[in-house]
């Protein structure tokens, strides 16, 4: 599956099939959440949350691709990601784009 964050496929005509999305709500375990809280006292990257969001983006992307595959798409264009805090230590990540068939 070709994934692009531009609204066309270079050198190809596309037939839009519709919006596809993948979403996940992810959290870290209590121990890592505690360590992240301690990290805020001294500053710097909170690697536990970085890893959590990276994993969440991968899951959301896979779910989006699965939805596009079920529609018979060859590519997803204009891909975007969004995230929001759902509760303390948990975040929602959504990946969305337009599924297209290449001509």
PDB file of N, CA and C in Angstrom:
ATOM      1  N   UNK A   1       0.858  -1.180   0.000  1.00  0.00           N
ATOM      2  CA  UNK A   1       0.000   0.000   0.000  1.00  0.00           C
ATOM      3  C   UNK A   1       0.896   1.232   0.000  1.00  0.00           C
ATOM      4  N   UNK A   2       0.654   2.105  -0.959  1.00  0.00           N
ATOM      5  CA  UNK A   2       1.402   3.359  -1.059  1.00  0.00           C
ATOM      6  C   UNK A   2       0.765   4.370  -0.115  1.00  0.00           C
ATOM      7  N   UNK A   3       1.576   4.972   0.753  1.00  0.00           N
ATOM      8  CA  UNK A   3       1.092   5.960   1.717  1.00  0.00           C
ATOM      9  C   UNK A   3       1.769   7.291   1.441  1.00  0.00           C
ATOM     10  N   UNK A   4       0.960   8.335   1.197  1.00  0.00           N
ATOM     11  CA  UNK A   4       1.497   9.664   0.880  1.00  0.00           C
ATOM     12  C   UNK A   4       0.759  10.732   1.671  1.00  0.00           C
ATOM     13  N   UNK A   5       1.492  11.770   2.070  1.00  0.00           N
ATOM     14  CA  UNK A   5       0.808  12.883   2.727  1.00  0.00           C
ATOM     15  C   UNK A   5       0.654  14.073   1.781  1.00  0.00           C
ATOM     16  N   UNK A   6       0.668  13.799   0.474  1.00  0.00           N
ATOM     17  CA  UNK A   6       0.326  14.778  -0.546  1.00  0.00           C
ATOM     18  C   UNK A   6      -1.003  14.343  -1.156  1.00  0.00           C
ATOM     19  N   UNK A   7      -1.668  15.247  -1.877  1.00  0.00           N
ATOM     20  CA  UNK A   7      -3.016  14.927  -2.343  1.00  0.00           C
ATOM     21  C   UNK A   7      -3.070  14.367  -3.764  1.00  0.00           C
ATOM     22  N   UNK A   8      -1.980  13.756  -4.207  1.00  0.00           N
ATOM     23  CA  UNK A   8      -1.947  13.112  -5.522  1.00  0.00           C
ATOM     24  C   UNK A   8      -0.862  12.041  -5.504  1.00  0.00           C
ATOM     25  N   UNK A   9      -0.864  11.202  -6.536  1.00  0.00           N
ATOM     26  CA  UNK A   9       0.204  10.228  -6.715  1.00  0.00           C
ATOM     27  C   UNK A   9       0.958  10.662  -7.965  1.00  0.00           C
ATOM     28  N   UNK A  10       2.218  11.051  -7.845  1.00  0.00           N
ATOM     29  CA  UNK A  10       2.960  11.559  -8.998  1.00  0.00           C
ATOM     30  C   UNK A  10       2.905  10.608 -10.194  1.00  0.00           C
ATOM     31  N   UNK A  11       2.509  11.162 -11.346  1.00  0.00           N
ATOM     32  CA  UNK A  11       2.476  10.391 -12.580  1.00  0.00           C
ATOM     33  C   UNK A  11       1.293   9.458 -12.733  1.00  0.00           C
ATOM     34  N   UNK A  12       0.346   9.488 -11.804  1.00  0.00           N
ATOM     35  CA  UNK A  12      -0.802   8.581 -11.854  1.00  0.00           C
ATOM     36  C   UNK A  12      -2.105   9.359 -11.723  1.00  0.00           C
ATOM     37  N   UNK A  13      -3.140   8.834 -12.355  1.00  0.00           N
ATOM     38  CA  UNK A  13      -4.484   9.328 -12.100  1.00  0.00           C
ATOM     39  C   UNK A  13      -5.051   8.494 -10.966  1.00  0.00           C
ATOM     40  N   UNK A  14      -5.868   9.131 -10.142  1.00  0.00           N
ATOM     41  CA  UNK A  14      -6.439   8.417  -9.012  1.00  0.00           C
ATOM     42  C   UNK A  14      -7.957   8.513  -9.025  1.00  0.00           C
ATOM     43  N   UNK A  15      -8.580   7.447  -8.556  1.00  0.00           N
ATOM     44  CA  UNK A  15     -10.028   7.422  -8.350  1.00  0.00           C
ATOM     45  C   UNK A  15     -10.247   7.350  -6.841  1.00  0.00           C
ATOM     46  N   UNK A  16     -10.807   8.414  -6.251  1.00  0.00           N
ATOM     47  CA  UNK A  16     -11.024   8.385  -4.803  1.00  0.00           C
ATOM     48  C   UNK A  16     -12.085   7.366  -4.416  1.00  0.00           C
ATOM     49  N   UNK A  17     -11.799   6.614  -3.373  1.00  0.00           N
ATOM     50  CA  UNK A  17     -12.735   5.603  -2.873  1.00  0.00           C
ATOM     51  C   UNK A  17     -13.423   6.042  -1.590  1.00  0.00           C
ATOM     52  N   UNK A  18     -12.792   6.930  -0.857  1.00  0.00           N
ATOM     53  CA  UNK A  18     -13.393   7.420   0.380  1.00  0.00           C
ATOM     54  C   UNK A  18     -12.385   7.607   1.496  1.00  0.00           C
ATOM     55  N   UNK A  19     -12.887   8.157   2.577  1.00  0.00           N
ATOM     56  CA  UNK A  19     -12.080   8.406   3.770  1.00  0.00           C
ATOM     57  C   UNK A  19     -11.794   7.099   4.489  1.00  0.00           C
ATOM     58  N   UNK A  20     -10.550   6.929   4.928  1.00  0.00           N
ATOM     59  CA  UNK A  20     -10.184   5.793   5.762  1.00  0.00           C
ATOM     60  C   UNK A  20      -9.490   6.321   7.012  1.00  0.00           C
ATOM     61  N   UNK A  21      -9.648   5.589   8.105  1.00  0.00           N
ATOM     62  CA  UNK A  21      -9.038   6.039   9.349  1.00  0.00           C
ATOM     63  C   UNK A  21      -8.680   4.846  10.213  1.00  0.00           C
ATOM     64  N   UNK A  22      -7.781   5.088  11.110  1.00  0.00           N
ATOM     65  CA  UNK A  22      -7.418   4.114  12.127  1.00  0.00           C
ATOM     66  C   UNK A  22      -7.220   4.876  13.418  1.00  0.00           C
ATOM     67  N   UNK A  23      -7.677   4.322  14.507  1.00  0.00           N
ATOM     68  CA  UNK A  23      -7.546   5.017  15.785  1.00  0.00           C
ATOM     69  C   UNK A  23      -7.174   4.029  16.881  1.00  0.00           C
ATOM     70  N   UNK A  24      -6.498   4.532  17.895  1.00  0.00           N
ATOM     71  CA  UNK A  24      -6.123   3.725  19.046  1.00  0.00           C
ATOM     72  C   UNK A  24      -6.004   4.644  20.262  1.00  0.00           C
ATOM     73  N   UNK A  25      -6.372   4.120  21.410  1.00  0.00           N
ATOM     74  CA  UNK A  25      -6.126   4.808  22.679  1.00  0.00           C
ATOM     75  C   UNK A  25      -5.107   3.963  23.418  1.00  0.00           C
ATOM     76  N   UNK A  26      -3.991   4.562  23.747  1.00  0.00           N
ATOM     77  CA  UNK A  26      -2.858   3.825  24.322  1.00  0.00           C
ATOM     78  C   UNK A  26      -2.452   4.457  25.650  1.00  0.00           C
ATOM     79  N   UNK A  27      -1.994   3.623  26.568  1.00  0.00           N
ATOM     80  CA  UNK A  27      -1.482   4.130  27.846  1.00  0.00           C
ATOM     81  C   UNK A  27      -0.224   3.360  28.227  1.00  0.00           C
ATOM     82  N   UNK A  28       0.527   3.934  29.128  1.00  0.00           N
ATOM     83  CA  UNK A  28       1.718   3.283  29.676  1.00  0.00           C
ATOM     84  C   UNK A  28       1.370   2.673  31.021  1.00  0.00           C
ATOM     85  N   UNK A  29       2.195   1.728  31.460  1.00  0.00           N
ATOM     86  CA  UNK A  29       1.914   1.109  32.755  1.00  0.00           C
ATOM     87  C   UNK A  29       2.250   2.073  33.896  1.00  0.00           C
ATOM     88  N   UNK A  30       1.771   1.757  35.059  1.00  0.00           N
ATOM     89  CA  UNK A  30       1.910   2.640  36.222  1.00  0.00           C
ATOM     90  C   UNK A  30       3.370   2.942  36.533  1.00  0.00           C
ATOM     91  N   UNK A  31       4.239   1.951  36.460  1.00  0.00           N
ATOM     92  CA  UNK A  31       5.658   2.162  36.764  1.00  0.00           C
ATOM     93  C   UNK A  31       6.290   3.172  35.819  1.00  0.00           C
ATOM     94  N   UNK A  32       6.034   3.029  34.531  1.00  0.00           N
ATOM     95  CA  UNK A  32       6.601   3.976  33.562  1.00  0.00           C
ATOM     96  C   UNK A  32       5.960   5.344  33.709  1.00  0.00           C
ATOM     97  N   UNK A  33       4.663   5.379  34.058  1.00  0.00           N
ATOM     98  CA  UNK A  33       3.984   6.653  34.266  1.00  0.00           C
ATOM     99  C   UNK A  33       4.594   7.384  35.456  1.00  0.00           C
ATOM    100  N   UNK A  34       4.924   6.645  36.509  1.00  0.00           N
ATOM    101  CA  UNK A  34       5.567   7.244  37.682  1.00  0.00           C
ATOM    102  C   UNK A  34       6.927   7.821  37.299  1.00  0.00           C
ATOM    103  N   UNK A  35       7.708   7.051  36.540  1.00  0.00           N
ATOM    104  CA  UNK A  35       9.037   7.519  36.121  1.00  0.00           C
ATOM    105  C   UNK A  35       8.921   8.746  35.213  1.00  0.00           C
ATOM    106  N   UNK A  36       7.892   8.801  34.374  1.00  0.00           N
ATOM    107  CA  UNK A  36       7.674   9.968  33.523  1.00  0.00           C
ATOM    108  C   UNK A  36       7.384  11.190  34.382  1.00  0.00           C
ATOM    109  N   UNK A  37       6.605  10.993  35.440  1.00  0.00           N
ATOM    110  CA  UNK A  37       6.328  12.092  36.357  1.00  0.00           C
ATOM    111  C   UNK A  37       7.586  12.600  37.026  1.00  0.00           C
ATOM    112  N   UNK A  38       8.487  11.708  37.384  1.00  0.00           N
ATOM    113  CA  UNK A  38       9.758  12.106  37.990  1.00  0.00           C
ATOM    114  C   UNK A  38      10.609  12.883  36.984  1.00  0.00           C
ATOM    115  N   UNK A  39      10.550  12.498  35.706  1.00  0.00           N
ATOM    116  CA  UNK A  39      11.343  13.154  34.661  1.00  0.00           C
ATOM    117  C   UNK A  39      10.925  14.616  34.499  1.00  0.00           C
ATOM    118  N   UNK A  40       9.653  14.918  34.760  1.00  0.00           N
ATOM    119  CA  UNK A  40       9.198  16.302  34.609  1.00  0.00           C
ATOM    120  C   UNK A  40       9.872  17.232  35.616  1.00  0.00           C
ATOM    121  N   UNK A  41      10.413  16.675  36.687  1.00  0.00           N
ATOM    122  CA  UNK A  41      11.100  17.503  37.677  1.00  0.00           C
ATOM    123  C   UNK A  41      12.440  18.022  37.174  1.00  0.00           C
ATOM    124  N   UNK A  42      13.109  17.231  36.329  1.00  0.00           N
ATOM    125  CA  UNK A  42      14.442  17.624  35.862  1.00  0.00           C
ATOM    126  C   UNK A  42      14.462  18.029  34.392  1.00  0.00           C
ATOM    127  N   UNK A  43      13.398  17.761  33.675  1.00  0.00           N
ATOM    128  CA  UNK A  43      13.321  18.139  32.260  1.00  0.00           C
ATOM    129  C   UNK A  43      13.917  17.089  31.347  1.00  0.00           C
ATOM    130  N   UNK A  44      13.710  17.263  30.069  1.00  0.00           N
ATOM    131  CA  UNK A  44      14.232  16.338  29.077  1.00  0.00           C
ATOM    132  C   UNK A  44      13.130  15.501  28.457  1.00  0.00           C
ATOM    133  N   UNK A  45      13.526  14.684  27.509  1.00  0.00           N
ATOM    134  CA  UNK A  45      12.568  13.836  26.807  1.00  0.00           C
ATOM    135  C   UNK A  45      12.028  12.753  27.728  1.00  0.00           C
ATOM    136  N   UNK A  46      10.742  12.514  27.639  1.00  0.00           N
ATOM    137  CA  UNK A  46      10.103  11.441  28.385  1.00  0.00           C
ATOM    138  C   UNK A  46       9.977  10.275  27.417  1.00  0.00           C
ATOM    139  N   UNK A  47      11.004   9.439  27.375  1.00  0.00           N
ATOM    140  CA  UNK A  47      11.098   8.398  26.349  1.00  0.00           C
ATOM    141  C   UNK A  47       9.961   7.388  26.418  1.00  0.00           C
ATOM    142  N   UNK A  48       9.427   7.136  27.611  1.00  0.00           N
ATOM    143  CA  UNK A  48       8.303   6.216  27.737  1.00  0.00           C
ATOM    144  C   UNK A  48       7.099   6.685  26.938  1.00  0.00           C
ATOM    145  N   UNK A  49       6.835   7.993  26.986  1.00  0.00           N
ATOM    146  CA  UNK A  49       5.714   8.545  26.222  1.00  0.00           C
ATOM    147  C   UNK A  49       6.037   8.623  24.740  1.00  0.00           C
ATOM    148  N   UNK A  50       7.281   8.905  24.407  1.00  0.00           N
ATOM    149  CA  UNK A  50       7.683   8.903  22.999  1.00  0.00           C
ATOM    150  C   UNK A  50       7.457   7.523  22.395  1.00  0.00           C
ATOM    151  N   UNK A  51       7.873   6.494  23.118  1.00  0.00           N
ATOM    152  CA  UNK A  51       7.683   5.117  22.651  1.00  0.00           C
ATOM    153  C   UNK A  51       6.197   4.774  22.553  1.00  0.00           C
ATOM    154  N   UNK A  52       5.410   5.214  23.531  1.00  0.00           N
ATOM    155  CA  UNK A  52       3.985   4.941  23.526  1.00  0.00           C
ATOM    156  C   UNK A  52       3.320   5.561  22.297  1.00  0.00           C
ATOM    157  N   UNK A  53       3.652   6.815  21.991  1.00  0.00           N
ATOM    158  CA  UNK A  53       3.038   7.485  20.848  1.00  0.00           C
ATOM    159  C   UNK A  53       3.526   6.912  19.523  1.00  0.00           C
ATOM    160  N   UNK A  54       4.770   6.502  19.449  1.00  0.00           N
ATOM    161  CA  UNK A  54       5.281   5.858  18.234  1.00  0.00           C
ATOM    162  C   UNK A  54       4.523   4.565  17.970  1.00  0.00           C
ATOM    163  N   UNK A  55       4.351   3.756  19.011  1.00  0.00           N
ATOM    164  CA  UNK A  55       3.605   2.509  18.877  1.00  0.00           C
ATOM    165  C   UNK A  55       2.149   2.788  18.495  1.00  0.00           C
ATOM    166  N   UNK A  56       1.555   3.800  19.114  1.00  0.00           N
ATOM    167  CA  UNK A  56       0.165   4.139  18.814  1.00  0.00           C
ATOM    168  C   UNK A  56       0.011   4.581  17.355  1.00  0.00           C
ATOM    169  N   UNK A  57       0.958   5.375  16.834  1.00  0.00           N
ATOM    170  CA  UNK A  57       0.902   5.790  15.421  1.00  0.00           C
ATOM    171  C   UNK A  57       1.001   4.584  14.499  1.00  0.00           C
ATOM    172  N   UNK A  58       1.862   3.626  14.848  1.00  0.00           N
ATOM    173  CA  UNK A  58       2.010   2.421  14.026  1.00  0.00           C
ATOM    174  C   UNK A  58       0.709   1.614  14.013  1.00  0.00           C
ATOM    175  N   UNK A  59       0.070   1.473  15.145  1.00  0.00           N
ATOM    176  CA  UNK A  59      -1.190   0.728  15.228  1.00  0.00           C
ATOM    177  C   UNK A  59      -2.278   1.450  14.435  1.00  0.00           C
ATOM    178  N   UNK A  60      -2.396   2.765  14.629  1.00  0.00           N
ATOM    179  CA  UNK A  60      -3.419   3.540  13.915  1.00  0.00           C
ATOM    180  C   UNK A  60      -3.194   3.471  12.404  1.00  0.00           C
ATOM    181  N   UNK A  61      -1.930   3.544  11.965  1.00  0.00           N
ATOM    182  CA  UNK A  61      -1.621   3.460  10.535  1.00  0.00           C
ATOM    183  C   UNK A  61      -2.012   2.093   9.991  1.00  0.00           C
ATOM    184  N   UNK A  62      -1.698   1.033  10.721  1.00  0.00           N
ATOM    185  CA  UNK A  62      -2.055  -0.313  10.260  1.00  0.00           C
ATOM    186  C   UNK A  62      -3.563  -0.457  10.136  1.00  0.00           C
ATOM    187  N   UNK A  63      -4.305   0.058  11.089  1.00  0.00           N
ATOM    188  CA  UNK A  63      -5.768  -0.033  11.029  1.00  0.00           C
ATOM    189  C   UNK A  63      -6.316   0.754   9.839  1.00  0.00           C
ATOM    190  N   UNK A  64      -5.716   1.910   9.555  1.00  0.00           N
ATOM    191  CA  UNK A  64      -6.123   2.698   8.398  1.00  0.00           C
ATOM    192  C   UNK A  64      -5.845   1.926   7.108  1.00  0.00           C
ATOM    193  N   UNK A  65      -4.659   1.330   7.004  1.00  0.00           N
ATOM    194  CA  UNK A  65      -4.286   0.540   5.817  1.00  0.00           C
ATOM    195  C   UNK A  65      -5.227  -0.656   5.668  1.00  0.00           C
ATOM    196  N   UNK A  66      -5.554  -1.331   6.763  1.00  0.00           N
ATOM    197  CA  UNK A  66      -6.477  -2.463   6.705  1.00  0.00           C
ATOM    198  C   UNK A  66      -7.838  -2.037   6.151  1.00  0.00           C
ATOM    199  N   UNK A  67      -8.322  -0.875   6.577  1.00  0.00           N
ATOM    200  CA  UNK A  67      -9.604  -0.365   6.085  1.00  0.00           C
ATOM    201  C   UNK A  67      -9.525  -0.056   4.587  1.00  0.00           C
ATOM    202  N   UNK A  68      -8.412   0.548   4.153  1.00  0.00           N
ATOM    203  CA  UNK A  68      -8.235   0.865   2.733  1.00  0.00           C
ATOM    204  C   UNK A  68      -8.118  -0.406   1.893  1.00  0.00           C
ATOM    205  N   UNK A  69      -7.423  -1.395   2.408  1.00  0.00           N
ATOM    206  CA  UNK A  69      -7.275  -2.673   1.711  1.00  0.00           C
ATOM    207  C   UNK A  69      -8.639  -3.323   1.513  1.00  0.00           C
ATOM    208  N   UNK A  70      -9.484  -3.271   2.520  1.00  0.00           N
ATOM    209  CA  UNK A  70     -10.829  -3.843   2.427  1.00  0.00           C
ATOM    210  C   UNK A  70     -11.668  -3.134   1.365  1.00  0.00           C
ATOM    211  N   UNK A  71     -11.348  -1.870   1.067  1.00  0.00           N
ATOM    212  CA  UNK A  71     -12.070  -1.110   0.041  1.00  0.00           C
ATOM    213  C   UNK A  71     -11.489  -1.352  -1.358  1.00  0.00           C
ATOM    214  N   UNK A  72     -10.371  -2.071  -1.428  1.00  0.00           N
ATOM    215  CA  UNK A  72      -9.725  -2.312  -2.717  1.00  0.00           C
ATOM    216  C   UNK A  72      -8.801  -1.201  -3.159  1.00  0.00           C
ATOM    217  N   UNK A  73      -8.310  -0.409  -2.238  1.00  0.00           N
ATOM    218  CA  UNK A  73      -7.435   0.724  -2.559  1.00  0.00           C
ATOM    219  C   UNK A  73      -6.023   0.269  -2.900  1.00  0.00           C
ATOM    220  N   UNK A  74      -5.363   1.066  -3.732  1.00  0.00           N
ATOM    221  CA  UNK A  74      -3.952   0.866  -4.055  1.00  0.00           C
ATOM    222  C   UNK A  74      -3.060   1.802  -3.259  1.00  0.00           C
ATOM    223  N   UNK A  75      -3.644   2.909  -2.773  1.00  0.00           N
ATOM    224  CA  UNK A  75      -2.856   3.926  -2.073  1.00  0.00           C
ATOM    225  C   UNK A  75      -3.767   4.710  -1.138  1.00  0.00           C
ATOM    226  N   UNK A  76      -3.140   5.403  -0.205  1.00  0.00           N
ATOM    227  CA  UNK A  76      -3.841   6.358   0.651  1.00  0.00           C
ATOM    228  C   UNK A  76      -3.096   7.677   0.507  1.00  0.00           C
ATOM    229  N   UNK A  77      -3.837   8.714   0.125  1.00  0.00           N
ATOM    230  CA  UNK A  77      -3.215  10.023  -0.060  1.00  0.00           C
ATOM    231  C   UNK A  77      -3.714  10.999   0.996  1.00  0.00           C
ATOM    232  N   UNK A  78      -2.988  12.104   1.113  1.00  0.00           N
ATOM    233  CA  UNK A  78      -3.340  13.179   2.043  1.00  0.00           C
ATOM    234  C   UNK A  78      -3.455  12.666   3.479  1.00  0.00           C
ATOM    235  N   UNK A  79      -2.529  11.805   3.878  1.00  0.00           N
ATOM    236  CA  UNK A  79      -2.552  11.216   5.225  1.00  0.00           C
ATOM    237  C   UNK A  79      -2.215  12.270   6.271  1.00  0.00           C
ATOM    238  N   UNK A  80      -2.965  12.224   7.346  1.00  0.00           N
ATOM    239  CA  UNK A  80      -2.748  13.119   8.479  1.00  0.00           C
ATOM    240  C   UNK A  80      -2.823  12.292   9.764  1.00  0.00           C
ATOM    241  N   UNK A  81      -2.194  12.814  10.801  1.00  0.00           N
ATOM    242  CA  UNK A  81      -2.245  12.204  12.129  1.00  0.00           C
ATOM    243  C   UNK A  81      -2.747  13.254  13.108  1.00  0.00           C
ATOM    244  N   UNK A  82      -3.481  12.799  14.106  1.00  0.00           N
ATOM    245  CA  UNK A  82      -3.917  13.666  15.181  1.00  0.00           C
ATOM    246  C   UNK A  82      -3.780  12.922  16.491  1.00  0.00           C
ATOM    247  N   UNK A  83      -3.681  13.661  17.570  1.00  0.00           N
ATOM    248  CA  UNK A  83      -3.618  13.015  18.881  1.00  0.00           C
ATOM    249  C   UNK A  83      -4.265  13.919  19.915  1.00  0.00           C
ATOM    250  N   UNK A  84      -4.735  13.291  20.958  1.00  0.00           N
ATOM    251  CA  UNK A  84      -5.311  14.042  22.060  1.00  0.00           C
ATOM    252  C   UNK A  84      -5.170  13.219  23.335  1.00  0.00           C
ATOM    253  N   UNK A  85      -5.110  13.923  24.439  1.00  0.00           N
ATOM    254  CA  UNK A  85      -5.059  13.254  25.741  1.00  0.00           C
ATOM    255  C   UNK A  85      -6.471  12.841  26.111  1.00  0.00           C
ATOM    256  N   UNK A  86      -6.646  11.583  26.446  1.00  0.00           N
ATOM    257  CA  UNK A  86      -7.959  11.076  26.831  1.00  0.00           C
ATOM    258  C   UNK A  86      -8.113  11.150  28.351  1.00  0.00           C
ATOM    259  N   UNK A  87      -7.024  10.835  29.029  1.00  0.00           N
ATOM    260  CA  UNK A  87      -6.970  10.902  30.487  1.00  0.00           C
ATOM    261  C   UNK A  87      -5.492  10.949  30.877  1.00  0.00           C
ATOM    262  N   UNK A  88      -5.201  11.095  32.139  1.00  0.00           N
ATOM    263  CA  UNK A  88      -3.812  11.138  32.593  1.00  0.00           C
ATOM    264  C   UNK A  88      -3.075   9.874  32.152  1.00  0.00           C
ATOM    265  N   UNK A  89      -2.027  10.031  31.348  1.00  0.00           N
ATOM    266  CA  UNK A  89      -1.214   8.897  30.945  1.00  0.00           C
ATOM    267  C   UNK A  89      -1.743   8.110  29.767  1.00  0.00           C
ATOM    268  N   UNK A  90      -2.830   8.583  29.129  1.00  0.00           N
ATOM    269  CA  UNK A  90      -3.387   7.877  27.968  1.00  0.00           C
ATOM    270  C   UNK A  90      -3.644   8.874  26.848  1.00  0.00           C
ATOM    271  N   UNK A  91      -3.368   8.442  25.630  1.00  0.00           N
ATOM    272  CA  UNK A  91      -3.557   9.322  24.476  1.00  0.00           C
ATOM    273  C   UNK A  91      -4.258   8.574  23.355  1.00  0.00           C
ATOM    274  N   UNK A  92      -5.097   9.307  22.620  1.00  0.00           N
ATOM    275  CA  UNK A  92      -5.707   8.776  21.411  1.00  0.00           C
ATOM    276  C   UNK A  92      -4.879   9.258  20.232  1.00  0.00           C
ATOM    277  N   UNK A  93      -4.613   8.366  19.302  1.00  0.00           N
ATOM    278  CA  UNK A  93      -3.947   8.727  18.053  1.00  0.00           C
ATOM    279  C   UNK A  93      -4.850   8.282  16.919  1.00  0.00           C
ATOM    280  N   UNK A  94      -5.057   9.172  15.952  1.00  0.00           N
ATOM    281  CA  UNK A  94      -5.845   8.841  14.772  1.00  0.00           C
ATOM    282  C   UNK A  94      -5.006   9.114  13.529  1.00  0.00           C
ATOM    283  N   UNK A  95      -5.085   8.193  12.583  1.00  0.00           N
ATOM    284  CA  UNK A  95      -4.473   8.359  11.263  1.00  0.00           C
ATOM    285  C   UNK A  95      -5.619   8.341  10.268  1.00  0.00           C
ATOM    286  N   UNK A  96      -5.624   9.291   9.325  1.00  0.00           N
ATOM    287  CA  UNK A  96      -6.698   9.315   8.347  1.00  0.00           C
ATOM    288  C   UNK A  96      -6.200   9.851   7.013  1.00  0.00           C
ATOM    289  N   UNK A  97      -6.891   9.471   5.965  1.00  0.00           N
ATOM    290  CA  UNK A  97      -6.523   9.899   4.628  1.00  0.00           C
ATOM    291  C   UNK A  97      -7.596   9.471   3.632  1.00  0.00           C
ATOM    292  N   UNK A  98      -7.303   9.655   2.354  1.00  0.00           N
ATOM    293  CA  UNK A  98      -8.230   9.285   1.290  1.00  0.00           C
ATOM    294  C   UNK A  98      -7.714   8.039   0.581  1.00  0.00           C
ATOM    295  N   UNK A  99      -8.521   6.985   0.601  1.00  0.00           N
ATOM    296  CA  UNK A  99      -8.178   5.764  -0.120  1.00  0.00           C
ATOM    297  C   UNK A  99      -8.435   6.000  -1.594  1.00  0.00           C
ATOM    298  N   UNK A 100      -7.486   5.581  -2.438  1.00  0.00           N
ATOM    299  CA  UNK A 100      -7.629   5.773  -3.879  1.00  0.00           C
ATOM    300  C   UNK A 100      -7.254   4.511  -4.631  1.00  0.00           C
ATOM    301  N   UNK A 101      -7.846   4.387  -5.815  1.00  0.00           N
ATOM    302  CA  UNK A 101      -7.480   3.334  -6.770  1.00  0.00           C
ATOM    303  C   UNK A 101      -6.665   4.011  -7.848  1.00  0.00           C
ATOM    304  N   UNK A 102      -5.517   3.427  -8.202  1.00  0.00           N
ATOM    305  CA  UNK A 102      -4.661   4.008  -9.230  1.00  0.00           C
ATOM    306  C   UNK A 102      -5.122   3.558 -10.601  1.00  0.00           C
ATOM    307  N   UNK A 103      -5.093   4.500 -11.551  1.00  0.00           N
ATOM    308  CA  UNK A 103      -5.488   4.182 -12.934  1.00  0.00           C
ATOM    309  C   UNK A 103      -4.263   4.076 -13.808  1.00  0.00           C
TER     310      UNK A 103
END
